[in-house]
C-alpha atoms as a PDB file:
ATOM      1  CA  MET A   1     -16.321  -9.803   7.035  1.00  0.00           C
ATOM      2  CA  GLN A   2     -13.861  -9.379   4.177  1.00  0.00           C
ATOM      3  CA  LEU A   3     -15.074  -8.548   0.685  1.00  0.00           C
ATOM      4  CA  PRO A   4     -13.072  -9.381  -2.418  1.00  0.00           C
ATOM      5  CA  ALA A   5     -11.846  -6.178  -4.082  1.00  0.00           C
ATOM      6  CA  ALA A   6     -14.128  -6.669  -7.099  1.00  0.00           C
ATOM      7  CA  ASP A   7     -17.185  -7.064  -4.857  1.00  0.00           C
ATOM      8  CA  ALA A   8     -16.276  -4.010  -2.776  1.00  0.00           C
ATOM      9  CA  LYS A   9     -15.803  -1.955  -5.943  1.00  0.00           C
ATOM     10  CA  SER A  10     -19.115  -3.080  -7.385  1.00  0.00           C
ATOM     11  CA  ILE A  11     -21.134  -1.954  -4.321  1.00  0.00           C
ATOM     12  CA  GLN A  12     -19.202   1.273  -3.663  1.00  0.00           C
ATOM     13  CA  ALA A  13     -21.380   3.601  -5.755  1.00  0.00           C
ATOM     14  CA  VAL A  14     -24.673   2.535  -4.171  1.00  0.00           C
ATOM     15  CA  ALA A  15     -23.093   2.518  -0.693  1.00  0.00           C
ATOM     16  CA  SER A  16     -22.060   6.139  -1.236  1.00  0.00           C
ATOM     17  CA  VAL A  17     -25.484   7.705  -1.767  1.00  0.00           C
ATOM     18  CA  HIS A  18     -25.738  11.175  -0.275  1.00  0.00           C
ATOM     19  CA  PRO A  19     -26.995  11.097   3.350  1.00  0.00           C
ATOM     20  CA  GLU A  20     -29.812  13.552   2.536  1.00  0.00           C
ATOM     21  CA  PHE A  21     -30.949  11.262  -0.293  1.00  0.00           C
ATOM     22  CA  ALA A  22     -30.949   8.254   2.051  1.00  0.00           C
ATOM     23  CA  GLN A  23     -32.882  10.181   4.727  1.00  0.00           C
ATOM     24  CA  ALA A  24     -35.476  11.327   2.190  1.00  0.00           C
ATOM     25  CA  ALA A  25     -35.892   7.708   1.056  1.00  0.00           C
ATOM     26  CA  ILE A  26     -36.354   6.553   4.655  1.00  0.00           C
ATOM     27  CA  ASN A  27     -39.015   9.243   5.097  1.00  0.00           C
ATOM     28  CA  ALA A  28     -40.740   8.110   1.874  1.00  0.00           C
ATOM     29  CA  ILE A  29     -40.859   4.536   3.163  1.00  0.00           C
ATOM     30  CA  GLY A  30     -42.627   5.817   6.276  1.00  0.00           C
ATOM     31  CA  ALA A  31     -45.089   7.807   4.201  1.00  0.00           C
ATOM     32  CA  SER A  32     -46.284   5.001   1.921  1.00  0.00           C
ATOM     33  CA  GLN A  33     -47.441   1.491   2.795  1.00  0.00           C
ATOM     34  CA  VAL A  34     -46.819   0.433  -0.830  1.00  0.00           C
ATOM     35  CA  VAL A  35     -43.177   1.593  -0.707  1.00  0.00           C
ATOM     36  CA  LEU A  36     -42.758  -0.067   2.693  1.00  0.00           C
ATOM     37  CA  SER A  37     -44.067  -3.393   1.379  1.00  0.00           C
ATOM     38  CA  VAL A  38     -41.863  -3.308  -1.737  1.00  0.00           C
ATOM     39  CA  VAL A  39     -38.677  -2.246   0.078  1.00  0.00           C
ATOM     40  CA  GLY A  40     -39.311  -4.641   2.950  1.00  0.00           C
ATOM     41  CA  ARG A  41     -37.494  -2.494   5.536  1.00  0.00           C
ATOM     42  CA  THR A  42     -39.110  -0.227   8.117  1.00  0.00           C
ATOM     43  CA  PRO A  43     -38.032   3.383   8.514  1.00  0.00           C
ATOM     44  CA  GLU A  44     -37.004   2.608  12.103  1.00  0.00           C
ATOM     45  CA  ASP A  45     -34.824  -0.298  10.959  1.00  0.00           C
ATOM     46  CA  LEU A  46     -33.109   1.823   8.289  1.00  0.00           C
ATOM     47  CA  GLN A  47     -32.690   4.770  10.667  1.00  0.00           C
ATOM     48  CA  GLN A  48     -31.012   2.461  13.205  1.00  0.00           C
ATOM     49  CA  GLU A  49     -28.725   1.046  10.520  1.00  0.00           C
ATOM     50  CA  THR A  50     -27.832   4.603   9.412  1.00  0.00           C
ATOM     51  CA  GLU A  51     -26.839   5.522  12.964  1.00  0.00           C
ATOM     52  CA  THR A  52     -24.863   2.293  13.356  1.00  0.00           C
ATOM     53  CA  ALA A  53     -23.025   2.952  10.088  1.00  0.00           C
ATOM     54  CA  ALA A  54     -22.127   6.462  11.288  1.00  0.00           C
ATOM     55  CA  ARG A  55     -20.720   5.104  14.567  1.00  0.00           C
ATOM     56  CA  TRP A  56     -18.721   2.410  12.768  1.00  0.00           C
ATOM     57  CA  SER A  57     -17.344   5.042  10.360  1.00  0.00           C
ATOM     58  CA  LYS A  58     -15.751   6.714  13.369  1.00  0.00           C
ATOM     59  CA  VAL A  59     -14.258   3.374  14.457  1.00  0.00           C
ATOM     60  CA  GLU A  60     -13.007   2.807  10.910  1.00  0.00           C
ATOM     61  CA  ASP A  61     -11.300   6.221  10.914  1.00  0.00           C
ATOM     62  CA  GLU A  62      -9.620   5.487  14.251  1.00  0.00           C
ATOM     63  CA  LEU A  63      -8.394   2.090  13.054  1.00  0.00           C
ATOM     64  CA  LYS A  64      -6.979   3.613   9.859  1.00  0.00           C
ATOM     65  CA  SER A  65      -5.192   6.208  11.970  1.00  0.00           C
ATOM     66  CA  MET A  66      -3.845   3.520  14.284  1.00  0.00           C
ATOM     67  CA  LEU A  67      -2.630   1.412  11.335  1.00  0.00           C
ATOM     68  CA  GLN A  68      -0.876   4.455   9.855  1.00  0.00           C
ATOM     69  CA  GLY A  69       0.844   5.047  13.197  1.00  0.00           C
ATOM     70  CA  VAL A  70       2.005   1.424  13.415  1.00  0.00           C
ATOM     71  CA  SER A  71       3.219   1.515   9.800  1.00  0.00           C
ATOM     72  CA  SER A  72       5.117   4.769  10.398  1.00  0.00           C
ATOM     73  CA  ALA A  73       6.732   3.420  13.562  1.00  0.00           C
ATOM     74  CA  ASN A  74       7.830   0.255  11.764  1.00  0.00           C
ATOM     75  CA  LEU A  75       9.186   2.256   8.810  1.00  0.00           C
ATOM     76  CA  THR A  76      11.212   4.331  11.282  1.00  0.00           C
ATOM     77  CA  ARG A  77      12.566   1.140  12.897  1.00  0.00           C
ATOM     78  CA  ARG A  78      13.578  -0.298   9.506  1.00  0.00           C
ATOM     79  CA  HIS A  79      15.235   3.028   8.651  1.00  0.00           C
ATOM     80  CA  ARG A  80      17.314   2.912  11.841  1.00  0.00           C
ATOM     81  CA  ILE A  81      18.302  -0.685  11.070  1.00  0.00           C
ATOM     82  CA  GLY A  82      19.223   0.245   7.484  1.00  0.00           C
ATOM     83  CA  THR A  83      21.246   3.255   8.616  1.00  0.00           C
ATOM     84  CA  SER A  84      23.182   1.089  11.080  1.00  0.00           C
ATOM     85  CA  ALA A  85      23.715  -1.608   8.447  1.00  0.00           C
ATOM     86  CA  LEU A  86      25.038   0.891   5.876  1.00  0.00           C
ATOM     87  CA  LEU A  87      27.348   2.460   8.451  1.00  0.00           C
ATOM     88  CA  THR A  88      28.586  -1.015   9.429  1.00  0.00           C
ATOM     89  CA  TYR A  89      29.230  -1.856   5.772  1.00  0.00           C
ATOM     90  CA  SER A  90      31.177   1.331   5.169  1.00  0.00           C
ATOM     91  CA  LEU A  91      33.206   0.936   8.349  1.00  0.00           C
ATOM     92  CA  SER A  92      33.879  -2.758   7.680  1.00  0.00           C
ATOM     93  CA  LYS A  93      35.185  -1.964   4.172  1.00  0.00           C
ATOM     94  CA  SER A  94      37.745   0.337   5.752  1.00  0.00           C
ATOM     95  CA  LEU A  95      38.663  -1.924   8.655  1.00  0.00           C
ATOM     96  CA  VAL A  96      39.323  -5.094   6.617  1.00  0.00           C
ATOM     97  CA  ARG A  97      42.339  -3.389   5.086  1.00  0.00           C
ATOM     98  CA  SER A  98      44.111  -4.127   8.373  1.00  0.00           C
ATOM     99  CA  PRO A  99      44.945  -7.777   9.188  1.00  0.00           C
ATOM    100  CA  GLU A 100      43.705  -7.460  12.787  1.00  0.00           C
ATOM    101  CA  HIS A 101      40.142  -7.006  11.444  1.00  0.00           C
ATOM    102  CA  SER A 102      40.193 -10.033   9.135  1.00  0.00           C
ATOM    103  CA  ALA A 103      37.313 -11.573  11.130  1.00  0.00           C
ATOM    104  CA  LEU A 104      35.071  -9.083   9.331  1.00  0.00           C
ATOM    105  CA  LEU A 105      35.931 -10.471   5.860  1.00  0.00           C
ATOM    106  CA  PRO A 106      33.184 -13.150   5.683  1.00  0.00           C
ATOM    107  CA  HIS A 107      30.606 -10.677   6.990  1.00  0.00           C
ATOM    108  CA  LEU A 108      31.711  -8.087   4.470  1.00  0.00           C
ATOM    109  CA  ALA A 109      31.456 -10.661   1.685  1.00  0.00           C
ATOM    110  CA  LEU A 110      27.849 -11.402   2.670  1.00  0.00           C
ATOM    111  CA  MET A 111      27.027  -7.692   2.847  1.00  0.00           C
ATOM    112  CA  ARG A 112      28.565  -7.131  -0.608  1.00  0.00           C
ATOM    113  CA  LYS A 113      26.528  -9.979  -2.040  1.00  0.00           C
ATOM    114  CA  ALA A 114      23.270  -8.615  -0.595  1.00  0.00           C
ATOM    115  CA  ASN A 115      24.037  -4.927  -1.224  1.00  0.00           C
ATOM    116  CA  ARG A 116      21.338  -3.172  -3.279  1.00  0.00           C
ATOM    117  CA  PHE A 117      23.107   0.185  -3.158  1.00  0.00           C
ATOM    118  CA  GLY A 118      26.041   1.212  -5.283  1.00  0.00           C
ATOM    119  CA  ARG A 119      26.977  -1.463  -7.781  1.00  0.00           C
ATOM    120  CA  ALA A 120      24.473  -2.964 -10.196  1.00  0.00           C
ATOM    121  CA  HIS A 121      23.805  -6.679  -9.986  1.00  0.00           C
ATOM    122  CA  LYS A 122      25.210  -8.988 -12.666  1.00  0.00           C
ATOM    123  CA  SER A 123      21.757  -9.677 -14.133  1.00  0.00           C
ATOM    124  CA  ALA A 124      21.300  -5.931 -14.702  1.00  0.00           C
ATOM    125  CA  GLN A 125      24.716  -5.594 -16.374  1.00  0.00           C
ATOM    126  CA  GLN A 126      23.980  -7.156 -19.737  1.00  0.00           C
ATOM    127  CA  PRO A 127      26.088  -5.899 -22.601  1.00  0.00           C
ATOM    128  CA  GLN A 128      24.121  -3.702 -24.909  1.00  0.00           C
ATOM    129  CA  THR A 129      24.535  -4.177 -28.608  1.00  0.00           C
ATOM    130  CA  PRO A 130      24.272  -1.022 -30.662  1.00  0.00           C
ATOM    131  CA  ALA A 131      21.214  -0.669 -32.846  1.00  0.00           C
ATOM    132  CA  PRO A 132      21.893  -1.297 -36.533  1.00  0.00           C
ATOM    133  CA  VAL A 133      22.384   1.839 -38.581  1.00  0.00           C
ATOM    134  CA  PRO A 134      19.823   2.054 -41.384  1.00  0.00           C
ATOM    135  CA  ALA A 135      21.265   2.012 -44.877  1.00  0.00           C
ATOM    136  CA  PRO A 136      20.958   5.313 -46.749  1.00  0.00           C
ATOM    137  CA  LYS A 137      18.265   5.408 -49.393  1.00  0.00           C
ATOM    138  CA  THR A 138      19.369   6.116 -52.914  1.00  0.00           C
ATOM    139  CA  GLN A 139      17.196   7.626 -55.575  1.00  0.00           C
ATOM    140  CA  VAL A 140      16.848   5.831 -58.872  1.00  0.00           C
END
């Protein structure tokens, strides 16, 4: 079940009550028929749900760890691809100076167009106009 971020945030504080507080409340439910009838949950039911939540917390931790491992592995793959692409770009720039490597020219043009490193893009290169100089104040 997925919760919208706002809903998850709104229930976070109550979901984070201290375990000793929750256990004391479960014990209080077992000690009073009035509390049991108002709460509507048996101590056994709440104790079982507490144990289930603890087990699922371990699963949650393992899944987070697994996701971090997958993300790190994919970042490493993209880094290797990027390193190879940048090396190819640098090498191609040198090789196209010779006519026998002219087949690289269209590829180099595409790499130059998509290059985020080095030169700034045209949209970022807007001429800057100097700020107007304030006129000096004269005393009357």
